[in-house]
Amino acid sequence: MLIDAEALASAADTPADPILVDCRFDLADPDAGRRAYLAGHIPGARYLDLNRDLSAPPGRHGGRHPLPAPEVFARTLAAHGIGPHSAVVAYDDSRFAYAARLWWIMRELGYRPPLLLDGGYRAWLAAGGAVETGEPDPAAAAAPPAVPDTFGRACDIDGLRELQARGAELVDSREAARYRGEVEPIDPVAGHIPGALNHPWQGVTDVDGFLRDEAALRAHWGERLAAPELVVYCGSGVTACVNLFSLAALGREDAVLYAGSWSDWCSHL
């Protein structure tokens, strides 16, 4: 599920050379990720934008970052030469916040899940990795594959209510202050979904963006690992994917994403 910077550098120009995807983004400045990419990225990396490529346009409901239409997403990947069996490595500079969204979408649509670069772009730079600027040469486009019409391990607000009614445990991945309703910097309503338990997404990595070891991850999740069913949300279905990635690393690949998350929930209040 992970690759470190040294192993990634060793794979360059070999038969195992993966397709690289730069997922850097900044919610406060939506163009910052692409600017950073053009200023410097791992050689050959393609750029996928959270708003334009990893999300559909928002509506009245569905949250700030609705999941992309599967067939549209498949065409996006194909334009970058990525097919269902392609070896892909994704990275960002935000403790997997955006790369994990790509991992989750690709996994759900039947693609070979990408490896995530442990420590992200900063780890690559710290290891002395090469950098290039500007746009890479165009990729040889792949044929878009047939993909499922829906995301099997995602739910909307009605699906969430059904899951809760049968006893699923609900995890809020946001920072503790947002969960408690003390601050709300983005959405119009503060608080959390009734019954949700708080496991902030930053808790699965260290401050440098490296995934914590198994013992630390198990401590982060505690009794949640034994829950018959788990539903995970955040503000808009993005950073929840970091928690879902860590759960998958511990064998809980069945956990469900409430795709619209808090921004969808509060739109119904």
Protein backbone atom coordinates (compact mmCIF):
# COMPACT_ATOMS: atom_id res chain seq x y z
CA MET A 1 0.00 0.00 0.00
CA LEU A 2 3.01 2.28 0.56
CA ILE A 3 6.30 2.93 -1.18
CA ASP A 4 9.17 4.94 0.26
CA ALA A 5 11.18 7.54 -1.61
CA GLU A 6 14.25 5.34 -1.97
CA ALA A 7 12.28 2.45 -3.47
CA LEU A 8 10.49 4.81 -5.83
CA ALA A 9 13.78 6.27 -7.03
CA SER A 10 15.13 2.75 -7.61
CA ALA A 11 12.10 1.88 -9.75
CA ALA A 12 12.70 4.74 -12.20
CA ASP A 13 13.56 3.64 -15.74
CA THR A 14 13.03 -0.04 -14.92
CA PRO A 15 10.21 -2.39 -16.01
CA ALA A 16 8.63 -1.66 -12.62
CA ASP A 17 8.61 2.11 -13.27
CA PRO A 18 5.15 3.26 -12.16
CA ILE A 19 2.96 6.07 -13.44
CA LEU A 20 3.24 8.93 -10.95
CA VAL A 21 0.30 11.11 -9.96
CA ASP A 22 0.77 14.38 -8.10
CA CYS A 23 -2.32 15.15 -5.99
CA ARG A 24 -1.17 18.27 -4.16
CA PHE A 25 -3.98 20.68 -3.32
CA ASP A 26 -4.94 23.44 -0.90
CA LEU A 27 -8.57 23.88 0.11
CA ALA A 28 -7.92 27.54 0.90
CA ASP A 29 -6.29 28.22 -2.49
CA PRO A 30 -7.60 25.77 -5.11
CA ASP A 31 -4.95 26.70 -7.70
CA ALA A 32 -2.02 26.32 -5.32
CA GLY A 33 -1.56 22.62 -5.98
CA ARG A 34 -1.20 23.04 -9.72
CA ARG A 35 1.13 26.00 -9.26
CA ALA A 36 3.28 23.89 -6.95
CA TYR A 37 3.25 21.07 -9.49
CA LEU A 38 4.41 23.34 -12.31
CA ALA A 39 7.12 24.78 -10.07
CA GLY A 40 8.50 21.34 -9.29
CA HIS A 41 7.37 17.71 -9.22
CA ILE A 42 8.74 14.18 -9.39
CA PRO A 43 9.89 13.60 -12.98
CA GLY A 44 7.12 12.29 -15.21
CA ALA A 45 4.34 12.84 -12.69
CA ARG A 46 0.87 13.75 -13.96
CA TYR A 47 -1.30 16.17 -12.03
CA LEU A 48 -4.84 15.41 -10.85
CA ASP A 49 -6.82 18.22 -9.25
CA LEU A 50 -9.17 17.56 -6.32
CA ASN A 51 -11.89 19.87 -7.62
CA ARG A 52 -11.64 19.13 -11.34
CA ASP A 53 -10.55 15.48 -11.47
CA LEU A 54 -11.29 13.79 -8.14
CA SER A 55 -14.71 15.40 -7.59
CA ALA A 56 -17.88 16.28 -9.45
CA PRO A 57 -19.32 19.80 -9.35
CA PRO A 58 -21.19 20.41 -6.08
CA GLY A 59 -24.94 20.89 -5.92
CA ARG A 60 -27.46 21.73 -3.22
CA HIS A 61 -26.83 18.39 -1.51
CA GLY A 62 -24.06 15.84 -1.78
CA GLY A 63 -21.35 17.83 -0.07
CA ARG A 64 -18.57 20.13 -1.20
CA HIS A 65 -16.67 17.40 -3.06
CA PRO A 66 -19.12 14.90 -4.58
CA LEU A 67 -17.52 11.79 -6.00
CA PRO A 68 -16.79 12.02 -9.73
CA ALA A 69 -19.00 10.16 -12.17
CA PRO A 70 -17.22 6.81 -12.63
CA GLU A 71 -17.16 6.93 -16.43
CA VAL A 72 -15.83 10.50 -16.40
CA PHE A 73 -13.12 9.53 -13.94
CA ALA A 74 -12.16 6.53 -16.09
CA ARG A 75 -11.73 8.83 -19.09
CA THR A 76 -9.59 11.18 -17.01
CA LEU A 77 -7.26 8.37 -16.02
CA ALA A 78 -7.16 7.02 -19.57
CA ALA A 79 -6.04 10.41 -20.87
CA HIS A 80 -3.02 10.07 -18.58
CA GLY A 81 -2.29 6.56 -19.81
CA ILE A 82 -3.69 4.86 -16.72
CA GLY A 83 -5.66 1.65 -17.17
CA PRO A 84 -7.11 -0.85 -14.68
CA HIS A 85 -3.84 -2.75 -14.31
CA SER A 86 -1.41 0.16 -14.37
CA ALA A 87 1.13 0.45 -11.56
CA VAL A 88 0.52 3.90 -10.07
CA VAL A 89 2.16 5.83 -7.25
CA ALA A 90 0.27 8.83 -5.85
CA TYR A 91 1.65 11.55 -3.63
CA ASP A 92 0.80 14.90 -2.07
CA ASP A 93 2.36 17.10 0.60
CA SER A 94 -0.54 16.94 3.07
CA ARG A 95 -0.19 13.67 4.98
CA PHE A 96 -2.09 11.68 2.30
CA ALA A 97 -5.10 14.06 2.43
CA TYR A 98 -5.54 14.08 -1.35
CA ALA A 99 -3.54 11.08 -2.53
CA ALA A 100 -5.73 8.84 -0.37
CA ARG A 101 -8.82 10.17 -2.17
CA LEU A 102 -7.32 8.94 -5.46
CA TRP A 103 -6.43 5.61 -3.82
CA TRP A 104 -10.01 5.17 -2.59
CA ILE A 105 -11.67 6.06 -5.90
CA MET A 106 -9.39 3.81 -7.94
CA ARG A 107 -9.88 0.90 -5.56
CA GLU A 108 -13.65 1.29 -5.62
CA LEU A 109 -13.79 1.31 -9.41
CA GLY A 110 -11.76 -1.88 -9.79
CA TYR A 111 -8.40 -0.39 -10.67
CA ARG A 112 -5.17 -1.68 -9.23
CA PRO A 113 -4.96 0.55 -6.14
CA PRO A 114 -2.10 3.02 -6.31
CA LEU A 115 0.73 2.91 -3.83
CA LEU A 116 1.03 6.05 -1.73
CA LEU A 117 4.42 7.69 -1.34
CA ASP A 118 5.16 7.54 2.37
CA GLY A 119 6.03 11.02 3.58
CA GLY A 120 4.86 12.51 0.30
CA TYR A 121 6.70 15.02 -1.84
CA ARG A 122 8.72 16.32 1.10
CA ALA A 123 10.15 12.85 1.69
CA TRP A 124 11.13 12.69 -1.98
CA LEU A 125 12.98 15.99 -1.70
CA ALA A 126 14.62 14.98 1.59
CA ALA A 127 15.92 11.82 -0.08
CA GLY A 128 17.55 13.88 -2.81
CA GLY A 129 15.04 12.90 -5.46
CA ALA A 130 15.15 14.55 -8.86
CA VAL A 131 12.66 17.29 -9.71
CA GLU A 132 11.34 18.61 -13.00
CA THR A 133 9.24 21.67 -13.75
CA GLY A 134 6.45 22.48 -16.17
CA GLU A 135 4.25 20.00 -18.00
CA PRO A 136 5.55 16.52 -18.86
CA ASP A 137 5.35 15.13 -22.37
CA PRO A 138 1.84 13.96 -23.27
CA ALA A 139 1.03 10.44 -22.13
CA ALA A 140 0.05 7.68 -24.53
CA ALA A 141 -3.68 7.58 -23.88
CA ALA A 142 -5.26 4.31 -22.79
CA ALA A 143 -8.72 3.07 -23.70
CA PRO A 144 -11.21 3.89 -20.93
CA PRO A 145 -12.35 0.63 -19.31
CA ALA A 146 -15.86 -0.31 -18.30
CA VAL A 147 -16.27 0.65 -14.66
CA PRO A 148 -19.06 0.16 -12.10
CA ASP A 149 -21.87 2.70 -12.18
CA THR A 150 -21.62 3.33 -8.45
CA PHE A 151 -19.11 3.22 -5.62
CA GLY A 152 -19.81 0.06 -3.64
CA ARG A 153 -18.30 1.18 -0.33
CA ALA A 154 -19.91 4.62 -0.27
CA CYS A 155 -23.26 5.80 1.02
CA ASP A 156 -25.44 8.88 0.81
CA ILE A 157 -27.47 10.29 3.70
CA ASP A 158 -30.23 7.71 3.28
CA GLY A 159 -27.72 4.88 3.20
CA LEU A 160 -26.06 6.30 6.29
CA ARG A 161 -29.34 6.28 8.18
CA GLU A 162 -29.95 2.67 7.17
CA LEU A 163 -26.48 1.66 8.31
CA GLN A 164 -26.88 3.45 11.62
CA ALA A 165 -30.28 1.83 12.15
CA ARG A 166 -28.68 -1.60 12.00
CA GLY A 167 -25.89 -0.67 14.39
CA ALA A 168 -23.01 0.57 12.26
CA GLU A 169 -20.51 2.72 14.12
CA LEU A 170 -19.92 6.19 12.68
CA VAL A 171 -16.49 7.84 12.68
CA ASP A 172 -15.93 11.58 12.31
CA SER A 173 -12.45 12.16 10.86
CA ARG A 174 -12.26 15.91 11.41
CA GLU A 175 -10.14 17.74 13.94
CA ALA A 176 -11.43 17.48 17.52
CA ALA A 177 -12.45 21.15 17.74
CA ARG A 178 -14.61 20.85 14.63
CA TYR A 179 -16.12 17.62 15.90
CA ARG A 180 -17.02 19.31 19.18
CA GLY A 181 -18.52 22.27 17.32
CA GLU A 182 -16.12 24.78 18.85
CA VAL A 183 -14.96 26.01 15.44
CA GLU A 184 -16.22 25.57 11.89
CA PRO A 185 -14.00 27.24 9.30
CA ILE A 186 -15.69 25.89 6.17
CA ASP A 187 -19.26 24.66 6.54
CA PRO A 188 -22.28 26.76 7.62
CA VAL A 189 -23.14 24.62 10.65
CA ALA A 190 -20.84 23.47 13.47
CA GLY A 191 -21.04 20.15 15.30
CA HIS A 192 -21.13 16.49 14.32
CA ILE A 193 -23.58 13.83 13.25
CA PRO A 194 -25.38 12.36 16.28
CA GLY A 195 -23.71 9.17 17.46
CA ALA A 196 -20.41 9.80 15.68
CA LEU A 197 -17.12 9.10 17.45
CA ASN A 198 -14.06 11.22 16.75
CA HIS A 199 -10.89 9.73 15.25
CA PRO A 200 -9.06 12.65 13.57
CA TRP A 201 -7.47 11.71 10.28
CA GLN A 202 -4.12 13.28 11.20
CA GLY A 203 -3.74 10.66 13.93
CA VAL A 204 -2.71 7.93 11.48
CA THR A 205 0.45 9.75 10.35
CA ASP A 206 3.28 11.52 12.08
CA VAL A 207 3.89 15.24 11.59
CA ASP A 208 6.11 14.53 8.58
CA GLY A 209 3.39 12.57 6.80
CA PHE A 210 4.66 9.03 7.35
CA LEU A 211 2.07 6.38 8.16
CA ARG A 212 2.35 5.27 11.77
CA ASP A 213 3.29 1.69 12.56
CA GLU A 214 0.72 -1.03 13.12
CA ALA A 215 0.72 -0.72 16.91
CA ALA A 216 0.06 3.02 16.73
CA LEU A 217 -2.69 2.54 14.15
CA ARG A 218 -4.37 -0.07 16.32
CA ALA A 219 -4.19 2.31 19.26
CA HIS A 220 -5.71 5.07 17.11
CA TRP A 221 -8.67 2.88 16.23
CA GLY A 222 -9.07 0.92 19.45
CA GLU A 223 -12.49 -0.71 19.77
CA ARG A 224 -13.60 0.52 16.35
CA LEU A 225 -11.62 -2.31 14.78
CA ALA A 226 -14.06 -4.80 16.27
CA ALA A 227 -17.19 -2.98 15.07
CA PRO A 228 -19.36 -5.14 12.77
CA GLU A 229 -19.77 -2.18 10.40
CA LEU A 230 -17.94 1.13 10.15
CA VAL A 231 -18.91 4.31 8.33
CA VAL A 232 -16.33 7.09 8.04
CA TYR A 233 -16.86 10.74 7.20
CA CYS A 234 -15.07 14.09 7.37
CA GLY A 235 -16.04 17.50 6.02
CA SER A 236 -16.55 16.56 2.38
CA GLY A 237 -15.37 12.98 1.82
CA VAL A 238 -11.70 13.78 1.25
CA THR A 239 -9.63 13.38 4.42
CA ALA A 240 -11.89 10.54 5.56
CA CYS A 241 -10.06 8.55 2.89
CA VAL A 242 -6.87 8.80 4.97
CA ASN A 243 -8.67 7.04 7.81
CA LEU A 244 -10.08 4.52 5.33
CA PHE A 245 -6.58 3.88 4.00
CA SER A 246 -5.31 3.18 7.51
CA LEU A 247 -8.26 0.89 8.20
CA ALA A 248 -7.51 -1.04 5.02
CA ALA A 249 -3.89 -1.38 6.15
CA LEU A 250 -5.24 -3.11 9.26
CA GLY A 251 -7.53 -5.39 7.26
CA ARG A 252 -10.77 -3.39 7.57
CA GLU A 253 -11.32 -2.87 3.86
CA ASP A 254 -15.08 -3.10 4.38
CA ALA A 255 -15.41 0.35 5.99
CA VAL A 256 -17.84 2.64 4.15
CA LEU A 257 -17.34 6.28 3.16
CA TYR A 258 -20.23 8.66 3.77
CA ALA A 259 -19.31 10.49 0.60
CA GLY A 260 -21.01 13.83 1.22
CA SER A 261 -19.88 13.85 4.85
CA TRP A 262 -20.64 16.75 7.18
CA SER A 263 -21.11 19.24 4.33
CA ASP A 264 -23.92 17.06 2.96
CA TRP A 265 -25.43 16.30 6.37
CA CYS A 266 -25.69 19.93 7.40
CA SER A 267 -27.25 20.84 4.04
CA HIS A 268 -30.30 18.80 5.12
CA LEU A 269 -30.73 20.57 8.47
